[in-house]
């Protein structure tokens, strides 16, 4: 099992995005600051304002949402998934990209954290 933590601006919005658009299930939620969602062998920790992960570090650095590191979700039909997400108002970072291993597209969660949607070459 893998666990990934994403900082989010709004835990309720993040839970709705992951469960309604990307097929995760809610494992548990501890009020507004934190929730866990799961898909297959991946558990995603959603840490919002008020969670320990969102506090300033001793160096003064503040954790922030977004960036380019991402989790990857495989799909058998990338085109259909991208179309469905766009229709539902999800923010895509660009068009589908094709490479030697397959096709990919990036979609942002409501806090700007990227999720790579990947269709392997067959």
PDB file of N, CA and C in Angstrom:
ATOM      1  N   UNK A   1       0.840  -1.179   0.000  1.00  0.00           N
ATOM      2  CA  UNK A   1       0.000   0.000   0.000  1.00  0.00           C
ATOM      3  C   UNK A   1       0.883   1.239   0.000  1.00  0.00           C
ATOM      4  N   UNK A   2       0.500   2.238  -0.772  1.00  0.00           N
ATOM      5  CA  UNK A   2       1.207   3.507  -0.805  1.00  0.00           C
ATOM      6  C   UNK A   2       0.341   4.590  -0.186  1.00  0.00           C
ATOM      7  N   UNK A   3       0.989   5.536   0.502  1.00  0.00           N
ATOM      8  CA  UNK A   3       0.299   6.688   1.067  1.00  0.00           C
ATOM      9  C   UNK A   3       0.962   7.949   0.524  1.00  0.00           C
ATOM     10  N   UNK A   4       0.155   8.877   0.048  1.00  0.00           N
ATOM     11  CA  UNK A   4       0.618  10.171  -0.438  1.00  0.00           C
ATOM     12  C   UNK A   4      -0.149  11.231   0.338  1.00  0.00           C
ATOM     13  N   UNK A   5       0.539  12.322   0.721  1.00  0.00           N
ATOM     14  CA  UNK A   5      -0.132  13.441   1.380  1.00  0.00           C
ATOM     15  C   UNK A   5      -0.135  14.631   0.433  1.00  0.00           C
ATOM     16  N   UNK A   6      -1.304  15.222   0.250  1.00  0.00           N
ATOM     17  CA  UNK A   6      -1.444  16.465  -0.496  1.00  0.00           C
ATOM     18  C   UNK A   6      -1.955  17.530   0.454  1.00  0.00           C
ATOM     19  N   UNK A   7      -1.349  18.701   0.392  1.00  0.00           N
ATOM     20  CA  UNK A   7      -1.889  19.858   1.086  1.00  0.00           C
ATOM     21  C   UNK A   7      -3.017  20.413   0.230  1.00  0.00           C
ATOM     22  N   UNK A   8      -4.135  20.736   0.863  1.00  0.00           N
ATOM     23  CA  UNK A   8      -5.281  21.269   0.136  1.00  0.00           C
ATOM     24  C   UNK A   8      -5.812  22.503   0.850  1.00  0.00           C
ATOM     25  N   UNK A   9      -6.441  23.389   0.108  1.00  0.00           N
ATOM     26  CA  UNK A   9      -7.003  24.607   0.676  1.00  0.00           C
ATOM     27  C   UNK A   9      -8.357  24.351   1.319  1.00  0.00           C
ATOM     28  N   UNK A  10      -9.088  23.325   0.847  1.00  0.00           N
ATOM     29  CA  UNK A  10     -10.436  23.019   1.328  1.00  0.00           C
ATOM     30  C   UNK A  10     -10.622  21.509   1.283  1.00  0.00           C
ATOM     31  N   UNK A  11     -10.653  20.886   2.450  1.00  0.00           N
ATOM     32  CA  UNK A  11     -10.739  19.425   2.524  1.00  0.00           C
ATOM     33  C   UNK A  11     -12.048  18.914   1.930  1.00  0.00           C
ATOM     34  N   UNK A  12     -13.165  19.574   2.210  1.00  0.00           N
ATOM     35  CA  UNK A  12     -14.451  19.116   1.663  1.00  0.00           C
ATOM     36  C   UNK A  12     -14.445  19.142   0.138  1.00  0.00           C
ATOM     37  N   UNK A  13     -13.906  20.214  -0.455  1.00  0.00           N
ATOM     38  CA  UNK A  13     -13.831  20.301  -1.921  1.00  0.00           C
ATOM     39  C   UNK A  13     -12.916  19.215  -2.478  1.00  0.00           C
ATOM     40  N   UNK A  14     -11.807  18.943  -1.796  1.00  0.00           N
ATOM     41  CA  UNK A  14     -10.884  17.901  -2.250  1.00  0.00           C
ATOM     42  C   UNK A  14     -11.540  16.524  -2.173  1.00  0.00           C
ATOM     43  N   UNK A  15     -12.232  16.234  -1.071  1.00  0.00           N
ATOM     44  CA  UNK A  15     -12.924  14.941  -0.927  1.00  0.00           C
ATOM     45  C   UNK A  15     -13.939  14.770  -2.054  1.00  0.00           C
ATOM     46  N   UNK A  16     -14.720  15.803  -2.332  1.00  0.00           N
ATOM     47  CA  UNK A  16     -15.712  15.722  -3.410  1.00  0.00           C
ATOM     48  C   UNK A  16     -15.041  15.458  -4.749  1.00  0.00           C
ATOM     49  N   UNK A  17     -13.943  16.154  -5.040  1.00  0.00           N
ATOM     50  CA  UNK A  17     -13.225  15.977  -6.295  1.00  0.00           C
ATOM     51  C   UNK A  17     -12.728  14.536  -6.444  1.00  0.00           C
ATOM     52  N   UNK A  18     -12.031  14.040  -5.448  1.00  0.00           N
ATOM     53  CA  UNK A  18     -11.437  12.706  -5.555  1.00  0.00           C
ATOM     54  C   UNK A  18     -12.485  11.599  -5.561  1.00  0.00           C
ATOM     55  N   UNK A  19     -13.545  11.747  -4.787  1.00  0.00           N
ATOM     56  CA  UNK A  19     -14.557  10.686  -4.730  1.00  0.00           C
ATOM     57  C   UNK A  19     -15.511  10.736  -5.917  1.00  0.00           C
ATOM     58  N   UNK A  20     -15.927  11.917  -6.327  1.00  0.00           N
ATOM     59  CA  UNK A  20     -16.932  12.022  -7.395  1.00  0.00           C
ATOM     60  C   UNK A  20     -16.335  11.984  -8.794  1.00  0.00           C
ATOM     61  N   UNK A  21     -15.099  12.463  -8.951  1.00  0.00           N
ATOM     62  CA  UNK A  21     -14.521  12.533 -10.298  1.00  0.00           C
ATOM     63  C   UNK A  21     -13.460  11.481 -10.581  1.00  0.00           C
ATOM     64  N   UNK A  22     -12.760  10.997  -9.542  1.00  0.00           N
ATOM     65  CA  UNK A  22     -11.643  10.085  -9.788  1.00  0.00           C
ATOM     66  C   UNK A  22     -11.788   8.718  -9.140  1.00  0.00           C
ATOM     67  N   UNK A  23     -12.954   8.390  -8.611  1.00  0.00           N
ATOM     68  CA  UNK A  23     -13.226   7.037  -8.146  1.00  0.00           C
ATOM     69  C   UNK A  23     -12.608   6.634  -6.824  1.00  0.00           C
ATOM     70  N   UNK A  24     -12.202   7.600  -5.996  1.00  0.00           N
ATOM     71  CA  UNK A  24     -11.711   7.281  -4.659  1.00  0.00           C
ATOM     72  C   UNK A  24     -12.905   7.077  -3.736  1.00  0.00           C
ATOM     73  N   UNK A  25     -12.677   6.392  -2.622  1.00  0.00           N
ATOM     74  CA  UNK A  25     -13.707   6.278  -1.588  1.00  0.00           C
ATOM     75  C   UNK A  25     -13.197   6.964  -0.323  1.00  0.00           C
ATOM     76  N   UNK A  26     -14.101   7.584   0.408  1.00  0.00           N
ATOM     77  CA  UNK A  26     -13.737   8.240   1.660  1.00  0.00           C
ATOM     78  C   UNK A  26     -13.506   7.182   2.723  1.00  0.00           C
ATOM     79  N   UNK A  27     -12.326   7.191   3.332  1.00  0.00           N
ATOM     80  CA  UNK A  27     -11.999   6.256   4.411  1.00  0.00           C
ATOM     81  C   UNK A  27     -12.420   6.862   5.741  1.00  0.00           C
ATOM     82  N   UNK A  28     -11.972   8.083   5.999  1.00  0.00           N
ATOM     83  CA  UNK A  28     -12.398   8.819   7.184  1.00  0.00           C
ATOM     84  C   UNK A  28     -12.058  10.285   7.042  1.00  0.00           C
ATOM     85  N   UNK A  29     -12.782  11.096   7.805  1.00  0.00           N
ATOM     86  CA  UNK A  29     -12.552  12.541   7.791  1.00  0.00           C
ATOM     87  C   UNK A  29     -12.605  13.033   9.228  1.00  0.00           C
ATOM     88  N   UNK A  30     -11.623  13.851   9.587  1.00  0.00           N
ATOM     89  CA  UNK A  30     -11.529  14.398  10.934  1.00  0.00           C
ATOM     90  C   UNK A  30     -11.825  15.886  10.876  1.00  0.00           C
ATOM     91  N   UNK A  31     -13.081  16.217  10.627  1.00  0.00           N
ATOM     92  CA  UNK A  31     -13.486  17.610  10.555  1.00  0.00           C
ATOM     93  C   UNK A  31     -12.899  18.305   9.351  1.00  0.00           C
ATOM     94  N   UNK A  32     -12.853  19.634   9.384  1.00  0.00           N
ATOM     95  CA  UNK A  32     -12.361  20.388   8.234  1.00  0.00           C
ATOM     96  C   UNK A  32     -10.873  20.238   7.921  1.00  0.00           C
ATOM     97  N   UNK A  33      -9.996  19.866   8.908  1.00  0.00           N
ATOM     98  CA  UNK A  33      -8.581  19.898   8.561  1.00  0.00           C
ATOM     99  C   UNK A  33      -8.016  18.670   7.838  1.00  0.00           C
ATOM    100  N   UNK A  34      -8.706  17.507   7.857  1.00  0.00           N
ATOM    101  CA  UNK A  34      -8.022  16.304   7.370  1.00  0.00           C
ATOM    102  C   UNK A  34      -9.020  15.245   6.923  1.00  0.00           C
ATOM    103  N   UNK A  35      -8.657  14.545   5.834  1.00  0.00           N
ATOM    104  CA  UNK A  35      -9.438  13.384   5.381  1.00  0.00           C
ATOM    105  C   UNK A  35      -8.496  12.389   4.710  1.00  0.00           C
ATOM    106  N   UNK A  36      -8.936  11.130   4.670  1.00  0.00           N
ATOM    107  CA  UNK A  36      -8.234  10.079   3.942  1.00  0.00           C
ATOM    108  C   UNK A  36      -9.188   9.514   2.898  1.00  0.00           C
ATOM    109  N   UNK A  37      -8.702   9.410   1.667  1.00  0.00           N
ATOM    110  CA  UNK A  37      -9.450   8.759   0.605  1.00  0.00           C
ATOM    111  C   UNK A  37      -8.587   7.640   0.042  1.00  0.00           C
ATOM    112  N   UNK A  38      -9.233   6.644  -0.559  1.00  0.00           N
ATOM    113  CA  UNK A  38      -8.492   5.472  -1.022  1.00  0.00           C
ATOM    114  C   UNK A  38      -8.995   5.043  -2.387  1.00  0.00           C
ATOM    115  N   UNK A  39      -8.040   4.589  -3.193  1.00  0.00           N
ATOM    116  CA  UNK A  39      -8.342   3.976  -4.496  1.00  0.00           C
ATOM    117  C   UNK A  39      -7.342   2.851  -4.686  1.00  0.00           C
ATOM    118  N   UNK A  40      -7.848   1.651  -4.820  1.00  0.00           N
ATOM    119  CA  UNK A  40      -6.995   0.468  -4.951  1.00  0.00           C
ATOM    120  C   UNK A  40      -5.990   0.427  -3.788  1.00  0.00           C
ATOM    121  N   UNK A  41      -4.687   0.381  -4.090  1.00  0.00           N
ATOM    122  CA  UNK A  41      -3.663   0.297  -3.046  1.00  0.00           C
ATOM    123  C   UNK A  41      -3.102   1.655  -2.631  1.00  0.00           C
ATOM    124  N   UNK A  42      -3.746   2.730  -3.032  1.00  0.00           N
ATOM    125  CA  UNK A  42      -3.269   4.074  -2.715  1.00  0.00           C
ATOM    126  C   UNK A  42      -4.202   4.744  -1.718  1.00  0.00           C
ATOM    127  N   UNK A  43      -3.648   5.217  -0.617  1.00  0.00           N
ATOM    128  CA  UNK A  43      -4.387   6.052   0.320  1.00  0.00           C
ATOM    129  C   UNK A  43      -3.835   7.459   0.198  1.00  0.00           C
ATOM    130  N   UNK A  44      -4.728   8.421   0.001  1.00  0.00           N
ATOM    131  CA  UNK A  44      -4.354   9.811  -0.156  1.00  0.00           C
ATOM    132  C   UNK A  44      -4.805  10.582   1.077  1.00  0.00           C
ATOM    133  N   UNK A  45      -3.842  11.214   1.748  1.00  0.00           N
ATOM    134  CA  UNK A  45      -4.136  12.046   2.916  1.00  0.00           C
ATOM    135  C   UNK A  45      -4.318  13.469   2.428  1.00  0.00           C
ATOM    136  N   UNK A  46      -5.446  14.052   2.730  1.00  0.00           N
ATOM    137  CA  UNK A  46      -5.772  15.420   2.325  1.00  0.00           C
ATOM    138  C   UNK A  46      -5.677  16.307   3.551  1.00  0.00           C
ATOM    139  N   UNK A  47      -4.623  17.106   3.625  1.00  0.00           N
ATOM    140  CA  UNK A  47      -4.342  17.936   4.798  1.00  0.00           C
ATOM    141  C   UNK A  47      -4.671  19.392   4.484  1.00  0.00           C
ATOM    142  N   UNK A  48      -5.675  19.915   5.180  1.00  0.00           N
ATOM    143  CA  UNK A  48      -6.106  21.290   4.958  1.00  0.00           C
ATOM    144  C   UNK A  48      -5.575  22.230   6.016  1.00  0.00           C
ATOM    145  N   UNK A  49      -6.006  23.494   5.951  1.00  0.00           N
ATOM    146  CA  UNK A  49      -5.622  24.457   6.978  1.00  0.00           C
ATOM    147  C   UNK A  49      -6.014  23.914   8.355  1.00  0.00           C
ATOM    148  N   UNK A  50      -5.138  24.075   9.307  1.00  0.00           N
ATOM    149  CA  UNK A  50      -5.398  23.558  10.648  1.00  0.00           C
ATOM    150  C   UNK A  50      -4.788  22.192  10.897  1.00  0.00           C
ATOM    151  N   UNK A  51      -4.343  21.506   9.857  1.00  0.00           N
ATOM    152  CA  UNK A  51      -3.686  20.209  10.055  1.00  0.00           C
ATOM    153  C   UNK A  51      -2.220  20.449  10.414  1.00  0.00           C
ATOM    154  N   UNK A  52      -1.611  19.456  11.029  1.00  0.00           N
ATOM    155  CA  UNK A  52      -0.195  19.604  11.404  1.00  0.00           C
ATOM    156  C   UNK A  52       0.696  19.777  10.177  1.00  0.00           C
ATOM    157  N   UNK A  53       0.353  19.160   9.059  1.00  0.00           N
ATOM    158  CA  UNK A  53       1.174  19.253   7.846  1.00  0.00           C
ATOM    159  C   UNK A  53       1.154  20.647   7.227  1.00  0.00           C
ATOM    160  N   UNK A  54       0.159  21.464   7.577  1.00  0.00           N
ATOM    161  CA  UNK A  54       0.043  22.804   6.995  1.00  0.00           C
ATOM    162  C   UNK A  54       0.713  23.875   7.857  1.00  0.00           C
ATOM    163  N   UNK A  55       1.262  23.487   9.006  1.00  0.00           N
ATOM    164  CA  UNK A  55       1.907  24.454   9.903  1.00  0.00           C
ATOM    165  C   UNK A  55       3.284  24.848   9.374  1.00  0.00           C
ATOM    166  N   UNK A  56       3.704  26.051   9.743  1.00  0.00           N
ATOM    167  CA  UNK A  56       5.041  26.524   9.368  1.00  0.00           C
ATOM    168  C   UNK A  56       6.110  25.607   9.974  1.00  0.00           C
ATOM    169  N   UNK A  57       7.177  25.391   9.237  1.00  0.00           N
ATOM    170  CA  UNK A  57       8.299  24.595   9.736  1.00  0.00           C
ATOM    171  C   UNK A  57       9.164  25.460  10.647  1.00  0.00           C
ATOM    172  N   UNK A  58      10.050  24.848  11.400  1.00  0.00           N
ATOM    173  CA  UNK A  58      10.920  25.601  12.301  1.00  0.00           C
ATOM    174  C   UNK A  58      11.805  26.595  11.544  1.00  0.00           C
ATOM    175  N   UNK A  59      12.053  26.322  10.265  1.00  0.00           N
ATOM    176  CA  UNK A  59      12.847  27.232   9.439  1.00  0.00           C
ATOM    177  C   UNK A  59      12.047  28.458   9.000  1.00  0.00           C
ATOM    178  N   UNK A  60      10.749  28.419   9.225  1.00  0.00           N
ATOM    179  CA  UNK A  60       9.875  29.495   8.780  1.00  0.00           C
ATOM    180  C   UNK A  60       9.210  29.208   7.445  1.00  0.00           C
ATOM    181  N   UNK A  61       9.633  28.160   6.750  1.00  0.00           N
ATOM    182  CA  UNK A  61       9.024  27.802   5.466  1.00  0.00           C
ATOM    183  C   UNK A  61       7.574  27.386   5.684  1.00  0.00           C
ATOM    184  N   UNK A  62       6.696  27.829   4.786  1.00  0.00           N
ATOM    185  CA  UNK A  62       5.279  27.476   4.853  1.00  0.00           C
ATOM    186  C   UNK A  62       4.954  26.448   3.776  1.00  0.00           C
ATOM    187  N   UNK A  63       4.387  25.303   4.152  1.00  0.00           N
ATOM    188  CA  UNK A  63       3.937  24.348   3.148  1.00  0.00           C
ATOM    189  C   UNK A  63       2.857  24.990   2.267  1.00  0.00           C
ATOM    190  N   UNK A  64       2.829  24.611   0.994  1.00  0.00           N
ATOM    191  CA  UNK A  64       1.864  25.187   0.059  1.00  0.00           C
ATOM    192  C   UNK A  64       1.318  24.111  -0.872  1.00  0.00           C
ATOM    193  N   UNK A  65       0.165  24.384  -1.443  1.00  0.00           N
ATOM    194  CA  UNK A  65      -0.460  23.452  -2.384  1.00  0.00           C
ATOM    195  C   UNK A  65       0.159  23.611  -3.767  1.00  0.00           C
ATOM    196  N   UNK A  66      -0.175  22.692  -4.653  1.00  0.00           N
ATOM    197  CA  UNK A  66       0.242  22.790  -6.056  1.00  0.00           C
ATOM    198  C   UNK A  66       1.619  22.217  -6.291  1.00  0.00           C
ATOM    199  N   UNK A  67       2.260  22.629  -7.357  1.00  0.00           N
ATOM    200  CA  UNK A  67       3.576  22.127  -7.713  1.00  0.00           C
ATOM    201  C   UNK A  67       3.486  21.199  -8.909  1.00  0.00           C
ATOM    202  N   UNK A  68       4.530  20.399  -9.114  1.00  0.00           N
ATOM    203  CA  UNK A  68       4.572  19.489 -10.254  1.00  0.00           C
ATOM    204  C   UNK A  68       4.721  18.029  -9.854  1.00  0.00           C
ATOM    205  N   UNK A  69       5.148  17.733  -8.623  1.00  0.00           N
ATOM    206  CA  UNK A  69       5.144  16.339  -8.190  1.00  0.00           C
ATOM    207  C   UNK A  69       3.699  15.885  -8.185  1.00  0.00           C
ATOM    208  N   UNK A  70       3.455  14.619  -8.508  1.00  0.00           N
ATOM    209  CA  UNK A  70       2.073  14.189  -8.658  1.00  0.00           C
ATOM    210  C   UNK A  70       1.918  12.705  -8.460  1.00  0.00           C
ATOM    211  N   UNK A  71       0.677  12.317  -8.164  1.00  0.00           N
ATOM    212  CA  UNK A  71       0.362  10.906  -8.166  1.00  0.00           C
ATOM    213  C   UNK A  71      -0.140  10.569  -9.563  1.00  0.00           C
ATOM    214  N   UNK A  72      -0.029   9.302  -9.925  1.00  0.00           N
ATOM    215  CA  UNK A  72      -0.407   8.842 -11.258  1.00  0.00           C
ATOM    216  C   UNK A  72      -1.543   7.836 -11.118  1.00  0.00           C
ATOM    217  N   UNK A  73      -2.601   8.058 -11.875  1.00  0.00           N
ATOM    218  CA  UNK A  73      -3.722   7.118 -11.938  1.00  0.00           C
ATOM    219  C   UNK A  73      -3.798   6.564 -13.350  1.00  0.00           C
ATOM    220  N   UNK A  74      -3.771   5.244 -13.459  1.00  0.00           N
ATOM    221  CA  UNK A  74      -3.864   4.613 -14.775  1.00  0.00           C
ATOM    222  C   UNK A  74      -5.314   4.495 -15.197  1.00  0.00           C
ATOM    223  N   UNK A  75      -5.523   4.589 -16.504  1.00  0.00           N
ATOM    224  CA  UNK A  75      -6.852   4.445 -17.091  1.00  0.00           C
ATOM    225  C   UNK A  75      -6.731   3.679 -18.400  1.00  0.00           C
ATOM    226  N   UNK A  76      -7.796   3.002 -18.787  1.00  0.00           N
ATOM    227  CA  UNK A  76      -7.811   2.289 -20.060  1.00  0.00           C
ATOM    228  C   UNK A  76      -8.289   3.174 -21.202  1.00  0.00           C
ATOM    229  N   UNK A  77      -8.949   4.301 -20.888  1.00  0.00           N
ATOM    230  CA  UNK A  77      -9.495   5.174 -21.918  1.00  0.00           C
ATOM    231  C   UNK A  77      -9.279   6.631 -21.512  1.00  0.00           C
ATOM    232  N   UNK A  78      -8.070   7.121 -21.772  1.00  0.00           N
ATOM    233  CA  UNK A  78      -7.699   8.474 -21.367  1.00  0.00           C
ATOM    234  C   UNK A  78      -8.588   9.523 -22.028  1.00  0.00           C
ATOM    235  N   UNK A  79      -8.861   9.380 -23.304  1.00  0.00           N
ATOM    236  CA  UNK A  79      -9.669  10.373 -24.022  1.00  0.00           C
ATOM    237  C   UNK A  79     -11.044  10.529 -23.372  1.00  0.00           C
ATOM    238  N   UNK A  80     -11.688   9.430 -23.045  1.00  0.00           N
ATOM    239  CA  UNK A  80     -13.020   9.492 -22.432  1.00  0.00           C
ATOM    240  C   UNK A  80     -12.946  10.121 -21.044  1.00  0.00           C
ATOM    241  N   UNK A  81     -11.918   9.781 -20.267  1.00  0.00           N
ATOM    242  CA  UNK A  81     -11.784  10.340 -18.924  1.00  0.00           C
ATOM    243  C   UNK A  81     -11.533  11.844 -18.987  1.00  0.00           C
ATOM    244  N   UNK A  82     -10.650  12.282 -19.879  1.00  0.00           N
ATOM    245  CA  UNK A  82     -10.365  13.712 -20.032  1.00  0.00           C
ATOM    246  C   UNK A  82     -11.626  14.458 -20.451  1.00  0.00           C
ATOM    247  N   UNK A  83     -12.366  13.901 -21.381  1.00  0.00           N
ATOM    248  CA  UNK A  83     -13.622  14.533 -21.832  1.00  0.00           C
ATOM    249  C   UNK A  83     -14.618  14.646 -20.672  1.00  0.00           C
ATOM    250  N   UNK A  84     -14.754  13.588 -19.892  1.00  0.00           N
ATOM    251  CA  UNK A  84     -15.672  13.593 -18.753  1.00  0.00           C
ATOM    252  C   UNK A  84     -15.252  14.645 -17.714  1.00  0.00           C
ATOM    253  N   UNK A  85     -13.969  14.713 -17.404  1.00  0.00           N
ATOM    254  CA  UNK A  85     -13.483  15.685 -16.424  1.00  0.00           C
ATOM    255  C   UNK A  85     -13.689  17.122 -16.917  1.00  0.00           C
ATOM    256  N   UNK A  86     -13.402  17.365 -18.181  1.00  0.00           N
ATOM    257  CA  UNK A  86     -13.589  18.706 -18.742  1.00  0.00           C
ATOM    258  C   UNK A  86     -15.061  19.098 -18.700  1.00  0.00           C
ATOM    259  N   UNK A  87     -15.931  18.172 -19.027  1.00  0.00           N
ATOM    260  CA  UNK A  87     -17.375  18.420 -19.008  1.00  0.00           C
ATOM    261  C   UNK A  87     -17.856  18.781 -17.604  1.00  0.00           C
ATOM    262  N   UNK A  88     -17.217  18.211 -16.588  1.00  0.00           N
ATOM    263  CA  UNK A  88     -17.609  18.465 -15.200  1.00  0.00           C
ATOM    264  C   UNK A  88     -16.868  19.649 -14.590  1.00  0.00           C
ATOM    265  N   UNK A  89     -16.093  20.364 -15.408  1.00  0.00           N
ATOM    266  CA  UNK A  89     -15.452  21.592 -14.952  1.00  0.00           C
ATOM    267  C   UNK A  89     -14.089  21.434 -14.310  1.00  0.00           C
ATOM    268  N   UNK A  90     -13.480  20.254 -14.408  1.00  0.00           N
ATOM    269  CA  UNK A  90     -12.141  20.058 -13.841  1.00  0.00           C
ATOM    270  C   UNK A  90     -11.118  20.873 -14.638  1.00  0.00           C
ATOM    271  N   UNK A  91     -10.058  21.322 -13.950  1.00  0.00           N
ATOM    272  CA  UNK A  91      -8.998  22.115 -14.596  1.00  0.00           C
ATOM    273  C   UNK A  91      -7.916  21.188 -15.141  1.00  0.00           C
ATOM    274  N   UNK A  92      -7.796  21.145 -16.452  1.00  0.00           N
ATOM    275  CA  UNK A  92      -6.737  20.375 -17.101  1.00  0.00           C
ATOM    276  C   UNK A  92      -5.582  21.318 -17.390  1.00  0.00           C
ATOM    277  N   UNK A  93      -4.356  20.847 -17.204  1.00  0.00           N
ATOM    278  CA  UNK A  93      -3.171  21.699 -17.393  1.00  0.00           C
ATOM    279  C   UNK A  93      -2.747  21.810 -18.851  1.00  0.00           C
ATOM    280  N   UNK A  94      -3.346  21.077 -19.709  1.00  0.00           N
ATOM    281  CA  UNK A  94      -2.980  21.114 -21.125  1.00  0.00           C
ATOM    282  C   UNK A  94      -3.645  19.966 -21.855  1.00  0.00           C
ATOM    283  N   UNK A  95      -3.194  19.732 -23.072  1.00  0.00           N
ATOM    284  CA  UNK A  95      -3.738  18.654 -23.889  1.00  0.00           C
ATOM    285  C   UNK A  95      -3.086  17.326 -23.514  1.00  0.00           C
ATOM    286  N   UNK A  96      -3.617  16.257 -24.049  1.00  0.00           N
ATOM    287  CA  UNK A  96      -3.038  14.927 -23.877  1.00  0.00           C
ATOM    288  C   UNK A  96      -1.673  14.910 -24.556  1.00  0.00           C
ATOM    289  N   UNK A  97      -0.678  14.336 -23.875  1.00  0.00           N
ATOM    290  CA  UNK A  97       0.681  14.210 -24.389  1.00  0.00           C
ATOM    291  C   UNK A  97       0.968  12.736 -24.617  1.00  0.00           C
ATOM    292  N   UNK A  98       1.602  12.433 -25.743  1.00  0.00           N
ATOM    293  CA  UNK A  98       1.953  11.051 -26.061  1.00  0.00           C
ATOM    294  C   UNK A  98       3.461  10.883 -25.988  1.00  0.00           C
ATOM    295  N   UNK A  99       3.900   9.807 -25.324  1.00  0.00           N
ATOM    296  CA  UNK A  99       5.315   9.499 -25.210  1.00  0.00           C
ATOM    297  C   UNK A  99       5.551   8.035 -25.471  1.00  0.00           C
ATOM    298  N   UNK A 100       6.770   7.568 -25.249  1.00  0.00           N
ATOM    299  CA  UNK A 100       7.091   6.182 -25.559  1.00  0.00           C
ATOM    300  C   UNK A 100       6.334   5.169 -24.697  1.00  0.00           C
ATOM    301  N   UNK A 101       5.938   5.550 -23.488  1.00  0.00           N
ATOM    302  CA  UNK A 101       5.254   4.612 -22.604  1.00  0.00           C
ATOM    303  C   UNK A 101       3.753   4.674 -22.666  1.00  0.00           C
ATOM    304  N   UNK A 102       3.225   5.700 -23.332  1.00  0.00           N
ATOM    305  CA  UNK A 102       1.784   5.841 -23.412  1.00  0.00           C
ATOM    306  C   UNK A 102       1.370   7.293 -23.514  1.00  0.00           C
ATOM    307  N   UNK A 103       0.151   7.577 -23.070  1.00  0.00           N
ATOM    308  CA  UNK A 103      -0.412   8.928 -23.140  1.00  0.00           C
ATOM    309  C   UNK A 103      -0.678   9.420 -21.727  1.00  0.00           C
ATOM    310  N   UNK A 104      -0.595  10.752 -21.555  1.00  0.00           N
ATOM    311  CA  UNK A 104      -0.867  11.322 -20.238  1.00  0.00           C
ATOM    312  C   UNK A 104      -1.542  12.674 -20.364  1.00  0.00           C
ATOM    313  N   UNK A 105      -2.258  13.028 -19.313  1.00  0.00           N
ATOM    314  CA  UNK A 105      -2.840  14.363 -19.178  1.00  0.00           C
ATOM    315  C   UNK A 105      -2.767  14.714 -17.699  1.00  0.00           C
ATOM    316  N   UNK A 106      -2.652  16.006 -17.409  1.00  0.00           N
ATOM    317  CA  UNK A 106      -2.611  16.468 -16.024  1.00  0.00           C
ATOM    318  C   UNK A 106      -3.894  17.206 -15.697  1.00  0.00           C
ATOM    319  N   UNK A 107      -4.509  16.847 -14.576  1.00  0.00           N
ATOM    320  CA  UNK A 107      -5.692  17.529 -14.067  1.00  0.00           C
ATOM    321  C   UNK A 107      -5.357  18.019 -12.662  1.00  0.00           C
ATOM    322  N   UNK A 108      -5.805  19.223 -12.328  1.00  0.00           N
ATOM    323  CA  UNK A 108      -5.578  19.780 -10.995  1.00  0.00           C
ATOM    324  C   UNK A 108      -6.758  19.489 -10.088  1.00  0.00           C
ATOM    325  N   UNK A 109      -6.469  19.153  -8.829  1.00  0.00           N
ATOM    326  CA  UNK A 109      -7.547  19.082  -7.845  1.00  0.00           C
ATOM    327  C   UNK A 109      -7.945  20.515  -7.491  1.00  0.00           C
ATOM    328  N   UNK A 110      -8.958  20.729  -6.656  1.00  0.00           N
ATOM    329  CA  UNK A 110      -9.406  22.092  -6.372  1.00  0.00           C
ATOM    330  C   UNK A 110      -8.347  22.995  -5.743  1.00  0.00           C
ATOM    331  N   UNK A 111      -7.268  22.427  -5.191  1.00  0.00           N
ATOM    332  CA  UNK A 111      -6.200  23.228  -4.590  1.00  0.00           C
ATOM    333  C   UNK A 111      -4.997  23.397  -5.507  1.00  0.00           C
ATOM    334  N   UNK A 112      -5.080  22.902  -6.732  1.00  0.00           N
ATOM    335  CA  UNK A 112      -3.982  23.041  -7.683  1.00  0.00           C
ATOM    336  C   UNK A 112      -2.961  21.925  -7.639  1.00  0.00           C
ATOM    337  N   UNK A 113      -3.232  20.845  -6.910  1.00  0.00           N
ATOM    338  CA  UNK A 113      -2.328  19.694  -6.886  1.00  0.00           C
ATOM    339  C   UNK A 113      -2.578  18.867  -8.143  1.00  0.00           C
ATOM    340  N   UNK A 114      -1.523  18.511  -8.882  1.00  0.00           N
ATOM    341  CA  UNK A 114      -1.711  17.788 -10.117  1.00  0.00           C
ATOM    342  C   UNK A 114      -1.889  16.284  -9.919  1.00  0.00           C
ATOM    343  N   UNK A 115      -2.712  15.703 -10.773  1.00  0.00           N
ATOM    344  CA  UNK A 115      -2.885  14.256 -10.873  1.00  0.00           C
ATOM    345  C   UNK A 115      -2.606  13.910 -12.320  1.00  0.00           C
ATOM    346  N   UNK A 116      -1.685  12.975 -12.542  1.00  0.00           N
ATOM    347  CA  UNK A 116      -1.409  12.523 -13.900  1.00  0.00           C
ATOM    348  C   UNK A 116      -2.334  11.377 -14.213  1.00  0.00           C
ATOM    349  N   UNK A 117      -3.078  11.513 -15.299  1.00  0.00           N
ATOM    350  CA  UNK A 117      -3.931  10.451 -15.804  1.00  0.00           C
ATOM    351  C   UNK A 117      -3.143   9.789 -16.922  1.00  0.00           C
ATOM    352  N   UNK A 118      -2.901   8.492 -16.812  1.00  0.00           N
ATOM    353  CA  UNK A 118      -1.956   7.809 -17.690  1.00  0.00           C
ATOM    354  C   UNK A 118      -2.600   6.590 -18.326  1.00  0.00           C
ATOM    355  N   UNK A 119      -2.475   6.509 -19.650  1.00  0.00           N
ATOM    356  CA  UNK A 119      -2.925   5.328 -20.391  1.00  0.00           C
ATOM    357  C   UNK A 119      -1.695   4.677 -20.992  1.00  0.00           C
ATOM    358  N   UNK A 120      -1.295   3.501 -20.487  1.00  0.00           N
ATOM    359  CA  UNK A 120      -0.099   2.841 -21.013  1.00  0.00           C
ATOM    360  C   UNK A 120      -0.260   2.438 -22.478  1.00  0.00           C
ATOM    361  N   UNK A 121       0.863   2.465 -23.195  1.00  0.00           N
ATOM    362  CA  UNK A 121       0.871   1.969 -24.571  1.00  0.00           C
ATOM    363  C   UNK A 121       0.644   0.458 -24.523  1.00  0.00           C
ATOM    364  N   UNK A 122      -0.109  -0.029 -25.419  1.00  0.00           N
ATOM    365  CA  UNK A 122      -0.404  -1.477 -25.439  1.00  0.00           C
ATOM    366  C   UNK A 122       0.123  -2.100 -26.707  1.00  0.00           C
TER     367      UNK A 122
END
